[in-house]
C-alpha cells in the first residue's frame, strides 16, 4: 500500500513541476512577444514623427519656389528654400547611409557646400522617397525592420519643382 502513495506523490510532484515549467515558458514567450510589439510600436511612432516633421517643413515652405525635388551630391533630396536673418538658405531632407537626414545650407556664408554624410540624422530608414502627382506629394519611408509610413501633403501654391 505504501508503494501506491509514493507513486501518487511522485505523479503529483511531476505534474506540479511540469505546470511550473510550462508557466515559466509561457511567461518568457509572453515577454518576448511584448518586447517585439513595443519595439515595433516605437519604430513606427518614430517614423511617423519624422514624416510629420517633413510634412510640416513642407507646409511652412509652401511658396512658388519654396519646395523642390532635386538630385544633389548623388542623392535625391527634398529642398526647402527660405530666408534666415536676411540670407538665402536651403534645408535638404534626404536618405543617406541608412538614415533620413537634414542638412542646412546657407550659400551666402561660404563653406564647402552640401556633403550628404554631414547631415543631421532624423531617423534610421532603409528607404525614403517623395513622389508628386500634380499638387499632391506623397512622402514614404521604411525602416530595416519593415515598418512603413506614408504622409501626403497637398501644395497650395503653384508647383515649380
N, C-alpha and C. Protein backbone atom coordinates (compact mmCIF):
# COMPACT_ATOMS: atom_id res chain seq x y z
N UNK A 1 0.79 -1.20 0.00
CA UNK A 1 0.00 0.00 0.00
C UNK A 1 0.84 1.27 0.00
N UNK A 2 1.96 1.25 0.69
CA UNK A 2 2.81 2.43 0.75
C UNK A 2 3.38 2.76 -0.63
N UNK A 3 3.60 1.77 -1.46
CA UNK A 3 4.15 1.99 -2.77
C UNK A 3 3.20 2.82 -3.64
N UNK A 4 1.93 2.61 -3.50
CA UNK A 4 0.91 3.35 -4.24
C UNK A 4 0.97 4.83 -3.84
N UNK A 5 1.14 5.12 -2.57
CA UNK A 5 1.21 6.51 -2.12
C UNK A 5 2.46 7.20 -2.66
N UNK A 6 3.55 6.48 -2.78
CA UNK A 6 4.77 7.06 -3.33
C UNK A 6 4.58 7.37 -4.82
N UNK A 7 3.95 6.48 -5.55
CA UNK A 7 3.69 6.73 -6.97
C UNK A 7 2.74 7.91 -7.12
N UNK A 8 1.71 7.99 -6.28
CA UNK A 8 0.79 9.14 -6.31
C UNK A 8 1.53 10.43 -6.03
N UNK A 9 2.36 10.42 -5.01
CA UNK A 9 3.12 11.62 -4.64
C UNK A 9 4.08 12.00 -5.76
N UNK A 10 4.75 11.01 -6.35
CA UNK A 10 5.67 11.28 -7.45
C UNK A 10 4.92 11.84 -8.66
N UNK A 11 3.75 11.30 -8.95
CA UNK A 11 2.93 11.78 -10.05
C UNK A 11 2.50 13.23 -9.81
N UNK A 12 2.06 13.53 -8.60
CA UNK A 12 1.65 14.90 -8.26
C UNK A 12 2.83 15.85 -8.35
N UNK A 13 3.99 15.42 -7.85
CA UNK A 13 5.19 16.25 -7.92
C UNK A 13 5.60 16.48 -9.37
N UNK A 14 5.55 15.46 -10.19
CA UNK A 14 5.87 15.58 -11.61
C UNK A 14 4.88 16.50 -12.33
N UNK A 15 3.61 16.37 -12.00
CA UNK A 15 2.58 17.23 -12.59
C UNK A 15 2.80 18.69 -12.20
N UNK A 16 3.13 18.92 -10.93
CA UNK A 16 3.41 20.27 -10.44
C UNK A 16 4.65 20.85 -11.14
N UNK A 17 5.71 20.07 -11.30
CA UNK A 17 6.93 20.53 -11.96
C UNK A 17 6.65 20.88 -13.43
N UNK A 18 5.85 20.04 -14.09
CA UNK A 18 5.50 20.31 -15.47
C UNK A 18 4.68 21.60 -15.58
N UNK A 19 3.74 21.81 -14.67
CA UNK A 19 2.94 23.03 -14.64
C UNK A 19 3.84 24.24 -14.43
N UNK A 20 4.78 24.18 -13.49
CA UNK A 20 5.68 25.29 -13.21
C UNK A 20 6.56 25.59 -14.43
N UNK A 21 7.07 24.54 -15.08
CA UNK A 21 7.91 24.72 -16.26
C UNK A 21 7.13 25.37 -17.40
N UNK A 22 5.93 24.89 -17.67
CA UNK A 22 5.11 25.46 -18.74
C UNK A 22 4.69 26.89 -18.42
N UNK A 23 4.42 27.18 -17.15
CA UNK A 23 4.08 28.55 -16.75
C UNK A 23 5.26 29.49 -16.99
N UNK A 24 6.46 29.06 -16.59
CA UNK A 24 7.65 29.88 -16.81
C UNK A 24 7.90 30.08 -18.30
N UNK A 25 7.72 29.02 -19.08
CA UNK A 25 7.90 29.11 -20.52
C UNK A 25 6.91 30.08 -21.15
N UNK A 26 5.66 30.05 -20.72
CA UNK A 26 4.66 30.97 -21.28
C UNK A 26 4.97 32.42 -20.89
N UNK A 27 5.49 32.64 -19.69
CA UNK A 27 5.88 33.99 -19.29
C UNK A 27 7.05 34.48 -20.15
N UNK A 28 8.03 33.63 -20.39
CA UNK A 28 9.19 34.01 -21.21
C UNK A 28 8.75 34.34 -22.64
N UNK A 29 7.89 33.52 -23.20
CA UNK A 29 7.39 33.77 -24.55
C UNK A 29 6.58 35.07 -24.58
N UNK A 30 5.74 35.28 -23.58
CA UNK A 30 4.94 36.50 -23.49
C UNK A 30 5.81 37.75 -23.41
N UNK A 31 6.88 37.68 -22.64
CA UNK A 31 7.80 38.82 -22.52
C UNK A 31 8.44 39.13 -23.86
N UNK A 32 8.86 38.10 -24.60
CA UNK A 32 9.48 38.30 -25.90
C UNK A 32 8.50 38.91 -26.91
N UNK A 33 7.27 38.42 -26.90
CA UNK A 33 6.25 38.97 -27.80
C UNK A 33 5.97 40.43 -27.44
N UNK A 34 5.82 40.72 -26.16
CA UNK A 34 5.55 42.08 -25.72
C UNK A 34 6.71 43.00 -26.09
N UNK A 35 7.93 42.55 -25.89
CA UNK A 35 9.12 43.34 -26.23
C UNK A 35 9.13 43.66 -27.73
N UNK A 36 8.81 42.67 -28.56
CA UNK A 36 8.75 42.89 -30.01
C UNK A 36 7.68 43.89 -30.39
N UNK A 37 6.51 43.81 -29.76
CA UNK A 37 5.43 44.75 -30.05
C UNK A 37 5.81 46.17 -29.64
N UNK A 38 6.43 46.31 -28.49
CA UNK A 38 6.84 47.64 -28.02
C UNK A 38 7.88 48.24 -28.96
N UNK A 39 8.87 47.43 -29.38
CA UNK A 39 9.89 47.91 -30.31
C UNK A 39 9.27 48.32 -31.64
N UNK A 40 8.38 47.50 -32.16
CA UNK A 40 7.73 47.80 -33.43
C UNK A 40 6.90 49.07 -33.32
N UNK A 41 6.18 49.22 -32.22
CA UNK A 41 5.38 50.42 -32.00
C UNK A 41 6.27 51.66 -31.90
N UNK A 42 7.39 51.54 -31.22
CA UNK A 42 8.31 52.67 -31.08
C UNK A 42 8.90 53.04 -32.44
N UNK A 43 9.28 52.03 -33.24
CA UNK A 43 9.82 52.30 -34.57
C UNK A 43 8.80 53.01 -35.45
N UNK A 44 7.58 52.52 -35.43
CA UNK A 44 6.53 53.15 -36.23
C UNK A 44 6.24 54.57 -35.76
N UNK A 45 6.23 54.76 -34.45
CA UNK A 45 5.99 56.10 -33.91
C UNK A 45 7.10 57.07 -34.28
N UNK A 46 8.33 56.61 -34.20
CA UNK A 46 9.48 57.43 -34.57
C UNK A 46 9.41 57.80 -36.05
N UNK A 47 9.06 56.84 -36.87
CA UNK A 47 8.96 57.06 -38.31
C UNK A 47 7.84 58.04 -38.64
N UNK A 48 6.68 57.85 -38.01
CA UNK A 48 5.55 58.77 -38.24
C UNK A 48 5.90 60.18 -37.79
N UNK A 49 6.60 60.29 -36.66
CA UNK A 49 7.00 61.61 -36.16
C UNK A 49 7.94 62.30 -37.15
N UNK A 50 8.92 61.55 -37.68
CA UNK A 50 9.85 62.13 -38.64
C UNK A 50 9.14 62.57 -39.91
N UNK A 51 8.19 61.76 -40.40
CA UNK A 51 7.46 62.15 -41.61
C UNK A 51 6.53 63.33 -41.35
N UNK A 52 5.98 63.42 -40.16
CA UNK A 52 5.16 64.58 -39.80
C UNK A 52 6.02 65.84 -39.79
N UNK A 53 7.25 65.70 -39.29
CA UNK A 53 8.19 66.83 -39.29
C UNK A 53 8.46 67.28 -40.73
N UNK A 54 8.73 66.32 -41.63
CA UNK A 54 8.99 66.64 -43.03
C UNK A 54 7.76 67.32 -43.64
N UNK A 55 6.57 66.80 -43.35
CA UNK A 55 5.34 67.39 -43.89
C UNK A 55 5.14 68.81 -43.38
N UNK A 56 5.44 69.05 -42.11
CA UNK A 56 5.29 70.41 -41.56
C UNK A 56 6.32 71.36 -42.16
N UNK A 57 7.55 70.88 -42.39
CA UNK A 57 8.55 71.71 -43.07
C UNK A 57 8.04 72.05 -44.47
N UNK A 58 7.43 71.07 -45.11
CA UNK A 58 6.88 71.24 -46.45
C UNK A 58 5.81 72.33 -46.44
N UNK A 59 4.90 72.24 -45.50
CA UNK A 59 3.81 73.23 -45.43
C UNK A 59 4.35 74.63 -45.14
N UNK A 60 5.37 74.71 -44.29
CA UNK A 60 5.95 76.01 -43.93
C UNK A 60 6.65 76.66 -45.13
N UNK A 61 7.20 75.87 -46.02
CA UNK A 61 7.93 76.40 -47.17
C UNK A 61 7.08 76.41 -48.44
N UNK A 62 5.78 76.23 -48.31
CA UNK A 62 4.90 76.11 -49.47
C UNK A 62 4.70 77.46 -50.16
N UNK A 63 5.72 77.84 -50.94
CA UNK A 63 5.64 79.02 -51.80
C UNK A 63 5.96 78.56 -53.21
N UNK A 64 5.87 79.47 -54.18
CA UNK A 64 6.07 79.08 -55.58
C UNK A 64 7.42 78.40 -55.81
N UNK A 65 8.48 78.87 -55.16
CA UNK A 65 9.80 78.25 -55.36
C UNK A 65 10.37 77.71 -54.05
N UNK A 66 9.53 77.52 -53.06
CA UNK A 66 10.00 77.11 -51.73
C UNK A 66 10.31 75.65 -51.57
N UNK A 67 9.73 74.78 -52.42
CA UNK A 67 9.94 73.35 -52.29
C UNK A 67 10.23 72.74 -53.66
N UNK A 68 11.33 71.99 -53.75
CA UNK A 68 11.65 71.29 -55.00
C UNK A 68 12.22 69.91 -54.68
N UNK A 69 12.13 69.03 -55.66
CA UNK A 69 12.79 67.72 -55.60
C UNK A 69 14.01 67.82 -56.50
N UNK A 70 15.19 67.57 -55.94
CA UNK A 70 16.42 67.71 -56.71
C UNK A 70 17.38 66.57 -56.41
N UNK A 71 18.33 66.39 -57.30
CA UNK A 71 19.42 65.43 -57.07
C UNK A 71 20.66 66.25 -56.75
N UNK A 72 21.17 66.07 -55.53
CA UNK A 72 22.35 66.82 -55.08
C UNK A 72 23.32 65.87 -54.41
N UNK A 73 24.59 66.02 -54.70
CA UNK A 73 25.61 65.20 -54.06
C UNK A 73 25.38 63.71 -54.22
N UNK A 74 24.73 63.33 -55.30
CA UNK A 74 24.47 61.92 -55.56
C UNK A 74 23.25 61.35 -54.85
N UNK A 75 22.47 62.20 -54.19
CA UNK A 75 21.26 61.71 -53.51
C UNK A 75 20.05 62.54 -53.96
N UNK A 76 18.89 61.93 -53.93
CA UNK A 76 17.65 62.65 -54.19
C UNK A 76 17.26 63.37 -52.91
N UNK A 77 16.97 64.66 -53.03
CA UNK A 77 16.67 65.46 -51.84
C UNK A 77 15.42 66.29 -52.03
N UNK A 78 14.74 66.49 -50.95
CA UNK A 78 13.62 67.42 -50.88
C UNK A 78 14.25 68.72 -50.40
N UNK A 79 14.18 69.78 -51.21
CA UNK A 79 14.88 71.03 -50.90
C UNK A 79 13.85 72.10 -50.53
N UNK A 80 14.05 72.69 -49.36
CA UNK A 80 13.20 73.78 -48.87
C UNK A 80 14.01 75.07 -48.89
N UNK A 81 13.52 76.08 -49.61
CA UNK A 81 14.21 77.37 -49.69
C UNK A 81 13.50 78.38 -48.78
N UNK A 82 14.32 79.15 -48.06
CA UNK A 82 13.77 80.14 -47.14
C UNK A 82 14.78 81.25 -46.90
N UNK A 83 14.35 82.27 -46.18
CA UNK A 83 15.22 83.37 -45.78
C UNK A 83 15.46 83.25 -44.27
N UNK A 84 16.74 83.23 -43.87
CA UNK A 84 17.11 83.19 -42.46
C UNK A 84 17.98 84.40 -42.17
N UNK A 85 17.50 85.28 -41.31
CA UNK A 85 18.23 86.50 -40.95
C UNK A 85 18.66 87.26 -42.20
N UNK A 86 17.77 87.35 -43.19
CA UNK A 86 18.05 88.08 -44.41
C UNK A 86 18.94 87.36 -45.40
N UNK A 87 19.30 86.14 -45.12
CA UNK A 87 20.15 85.36 -46.01
C UNK A 87 19.35 84.21 -46.63
N UNK A 88 19.70 83.90 -47.86
CA UNK A 88 19.07 82.79 -48.56
C UNK A 88 19.59 81.48 -47.94
N UNK A 89 18.68 80.58 -47.63
CA UNK A 89 19.07 79.30 -47.03
C UNK A 89 18.28 78.17 -47.67
N UNK A 90 18.88 76.99 -47.63
CA UNK A 90 18.21 75.79 -48.13
C UNK A 90 18.34 74.70 -47.08
N UNK A 91 17.24 74.01 -46.85
CA UNK A 91 17.26 72.83 -45.98
C UNK A 91 16.98 71.64 -46.87
N UNK A 92 17.88 70.67 -46.84
CA UNK A 92 17.73 69.47 -47.65
C UNK A 92 17.36 68.30 -46.74
N UNK A 93 16.36 67.54 -47.15
CA UNK A 93 15.99 66.32 -46.43
C UNK A 93 16.14 65.17 -47.43
N UNK A 94 16.89 64.14 -47.02
CA UNK A 94 17.28 63.08 -47.93
C UNK A 94 17.63 61.82 -47.14
N UNK A 95 17.77 60.72 -47.86
CA UNK A 95 18.17 59.46 -47.25
C UNK A 95 19.62 59.19 -47.62
N UNK A 96 20.45 58.93 -46.61
CA UNK A 96 21.86 58.65 -46.86
C UNK A 96 22.39 57.73 -45.77
N UNK A 97 23.08 56.69 -46.15
CA UNK A 97 23.74 55.77 -45.23
C UNK A 97 22.79 55.23 -44.16
N UNK A 98 21.59 54.81 -44.59
CA UNK A 98 20.64 54.18 -43.67
C UNK A 98 19.90 55.11 -42.75
N UNK A 99 19.88 56.41 -43.08
CA UNK A 99 19.18 57.36 -42.20
C UNK A 99 18.53 58.47 -43.02
N UNK A 100 17.40 58.95 -42.52
CA UNK A 100 16.78 60.14 -43.07
C UNK A 100 17.52 61.31 -42.43
N UNK A 101 18.05 62.20 -43.26
CA UNK A 101 18.90 63.28 -42.75
C UNK A 101 18.39 64.65 -43.19
N UNK A 102 18.83 65.65 -42.44
CA UNK A 102 18.51 67.04 -42.73
C UNK A 102 19.81 67.83 -42.75
N UNK A 103 19.95 68.70 -43.75
CA UNK A 103 21.18 69.48 -43.90
C UNK A 103 20.80 70.92 -44.20
N UNK A 104 21.30 71.85 -43.40
CA UNK A 104 21.06 73.28 -43.61
C UNK A 104 22.22 73.85 -44.39
N UNK A 105 21.92 74.48 -45.50
CA UNK A 105 22.94 75.05 -46.37
C UNK A 105 22.64 76.54 -46.53
N UNK A 106 23.62 77.38 -46.17
CA UNK A 106 23.49 78.83 -46.33
C UNK A 106 24.60 79.26 -47.29
N UNK A 107 24.30 79.32 -48.60
CA UNK A 107 25.33 79.63 -49.60
C UNK A 107 26.04 80.96 -49.37
N UNK A 108 25.33 81.97 -48.85
CA UNK A 108 25.93 83.29 -48.64
C UNK A 108 27.07 83.27 -47.62
N UNK A 109 27.12 82.28 -46.76
CA UNK A 109 28.16 82.21 -45.74
C UNK A 109 29.40 81.47 -46.21
N UNK A 110 29.40 81.05 -47.45
CA UNK A 110 30.55 80.31 -47.97
C UNK A 110 30.46 78.86 -47.55
N UNK A 111 31.54 78.29 -47.09
CA UNK A 111 31.53 76.90 -46.66
C UNK A 111 31.81 75.97 -47.83
N UNK A 112 31.77 74.70 -47.55
CA UNK A 112 32.14 73.71 -48.55
C UNK A 112 30.98 73.22 -49.39
N UNK A 113 29.78 73.61 -49.10
CA UNK A 113 28.63 73.13 -49.86
C UNK A 113 28.03 71.89 -49.24
N UNK A 114 27.18 71.25 -49.99
CA UNK A 114 26.43 70.09 -49.49
C UNK A 114 27.30 68.84 -49.42
N UNK A 115 27.39 68.26 -48.23
CA UNK A 115 28.09 66.99 -48.00
C UNK A 115 27.07 66.05 -47.35
N UNK A 116 26.53 65.07 -48.09
CA UNK A 116 25.46 64.22 -47.57
C UNK A 116 25.76 63.55 -46.23
N UNK A 117 26.99 63.12 -46.00
CA UNK A 117 27.32 62.41 -44.77
C UNK A 117 27.25 63.29 -43.53
N UNK A 118 27.27 64.62 -43.72
CA UNK A 118 27.29 65.54 -42.58
C UNK A 118 25.90 65.99 -42.13
N UNK A 119 24.85 65.51 -42.78
CA UNK A 119 23.51 65.90 -42.38
C UNK A 119 23.13 65.34 -41.02
N UNK A 120 22.24 66.05 -40.32
CA UNK A 120 21.76 65.60 -39.02
C UNK A 120 20.79 64.44 -39.21
N UNK A 121 21.00 63.36 -38.48
CA UNK A 121 20.16 62.18 -38.60
C UNK A 121 18.82 62.41 -37.91
N UNK A 122 17.73 62.20 -38.64
CA UNK A 122 16.38 62.33 -38.08
C UNK A 122 15.88 60.99 -37.56
N UNK A 123 16.00 59.95 -38.40
CA UNK A 123 15.54 58.61 -38.04
C UNK A 123 16.21 57.59 -38.96
N UNK A 124 16.44 56.39 -38.45
CA UNK A 124 17.04 55.33 -39.26
C UNK A 124 15.99 54.80 -40.24
N UNK A 125 16.34 54.77 -41.53
CA UNK A 125 15.43 54.26 -42.56
C UNK A 125 16.23 53.45 -43.57
N UNK A 126 15.54 52.54 -44.24
CA UNK A 126 16.17 51.80 -45.32
C UNK A 126 15.73 52.34 -46.67
N UNK A 127 14.60 53.06 -46.68
CA UNK A 127 14.07 53.59 -47.93
C UNK A 127 13.33 54.90 -47.64
N UNK A 128 13.50 55.87 -48.52
CA UNK A 128 12.81 57.15 -48.40
C UNK A 128 12.57 57.65 -49.81
N UNK A 129 11.35 58.07 -50.09
CA UNK A 129 11.05 58.61 -51.41
C UNK A 129 9.95 59.65 -51.31
N UNK A 130 9.96 60.55 -52.28
CA UNK A 130 8.92 61.56 -52.40
C UNK A 130 8.43 61.50 -53.84
N UNK A 131 7.14 61.33 -54.00
CA UNK A 131 6.56 61.32 -55.35
C UNK A 131 5.56 62.45 -55.46
N UNK A 132 5.39 62.92 -56.69
CA UNK A 132 4.49 64.05 -56.92
C UNK A 132 3.48 63.67 -57.98
N UNK A 133 2.22 63.94 -57.70
CA UNK A 133 1.15 63.75 -58.67
C UNK A 133 0.35 65.04 -58.66
N UNK A 134 0.61 65.88 -59.68
CA UNK A 134 0.05 67.23 -59.74
C UNK A 134 0.51 67.97 -58.48
N UNK A 135 -0.42 68.41 -57.62
CA UNK A 135 -0.03 69.14 -56.42
C UNK A 135 0.06 68.29 -55.18
N UNK A 136 -0.15 66.98 -55.32
CA UNK A 136 -0.12 66.09 -54.16
C UNK A 136 1.22 65.38 -54.08
N UNK A 137 1.92 65.60 -52.97
CA UNK A 137 3.20 64.95 -52.72
C UNK A 137 2.98 63.82 -51.72
N UNK A 138 3.55 62.66 -52.02
CA UNK A 138 3.48 61.52 -51.10
C UNK A 138 4.90 61.24 -50.61
N UNK A 139 5.07 61.32 -49.29
CA UNK A 139 6.36 61.08 -48.65
C UNK A 139 6.28 59.69 -48.04
N UNK A 140 7.25 58.85 -48.39
CA UNK A 140 7.24 57.45 -47.95
C UNK A 140 8.57 57.12 -47.31
N UNK A 141 8.53 56.35 -46.22
CA UNK A 141 9.76 55.88 -45.57
C UNK A 141 9.53 54.49 -45.02
N UNK A 142 10.63 53.73 -44.97
CA UNK A 142 10.58 52.35 -44.47
C UNK A 142 11.82 52.09 -43.64
N UNK A 143 11.66 51.37 -42.52
CA UNK A 143 12.80 51.03 -41.67
C UNK A 143 13.33 49.65 -42.03
N UNK A 144 14.50 49.31 -41.48
CA UNK A 144 15.09 47.99 -41.69
C UNK A 144 14.18 46.88 -41.18
N UNK A 145 13.43 47.16 -40.11
CA UNK A 145 12.56 46.14 -39.52
C UNK A 145 11.27 45.95 -40.31
N UNK A 146 11.06 46.79 -41.34
CA UNK A 146 9.88 46.63 -42.18
C UNK A 146 8.75 47.59 -41.87
N UNK A 147 8.90 48.42 -40.85
CA UNK A 147 7.87 49.42 -40.54
C UNK A 147 7.83 50.45 -41.66
N UNK A 148 6.63 50.79 -42.09
CA UNK A 148 6.45 51.76 -43.17
C UNK A 148 5.55 52.88 -42.71
N UNK A 149 5.78 54.07 -43.27
CA UNK A 149 4.90 55.21 -43.00
C UNK A 149 4.80 56.03 -44.28
N UNK A 150 3.66 56.64 -44.45
CA UNK A 150 3.39 57.44 -45.64
C UNK A 150 2.66 58.70 -45.18
N UNK A 151 3.06 59.83 -45.74
CA UNK A 151 2.44 61.11 -45.41
C UNK A 151 2.16 61.83 -46.72
N UNK A 152 0.97 62.39 -46.84
CA UNK A 152 0.64 63.12 -48.06
C UNK A 152 0.47 64.59 -47.74
N UNK A 153 1.01 65.43 -48.64
CA UNK A 153 0.94 66.88 -48.48
C UNK A 153 0.48 67.46 -49.80
N UNK A 154 -0.49 68.35 -49.73
CA UNK A 154 -1.00 69.00 -50.94
C UNK A 154 -0.42 70.40 -51.04
N UNK A 155 0.19 70.72 -52.20
CA UNK A 155 0.74 72.06 -52.42
C UNK A 155 -0.42 73.03 -52.62
N UNK A 156 -0.36 74.12 -51.93
CA UNK A 156 -1.39 75.15 -52.08
C UNK A 156 -0.95 76.23 -53.06
N UNK A 157 0.33 76.22 -53.44
CA UNK A 157 0.85 77.20 -54.39
C UNK A 157 1.20 76.51 -55.70
N UNK A 158 1.60 77.30 -56.68
CA UNK A 158 1.98 76.76 -57.97
C UNK A 158 3.22 75.91 -57.83
N UNK A 159 3.17 74.72 -58.40
CA UNK A 159 4.30 73.79 -58.32
C UNK A 159 5.38 74.22 -59.31
N UNK A 160 6.62 74.36 -58.81
CA UNK A 160 7.71 74.74 -59.69
C UNK A 160 8.80 73.70 -59.78
N UNK A 161 8.81 72.71 -58.89
CA UNK A 161 9.89 71.75 -58.92
C UNK A 161 9.47 70.39 -58.50
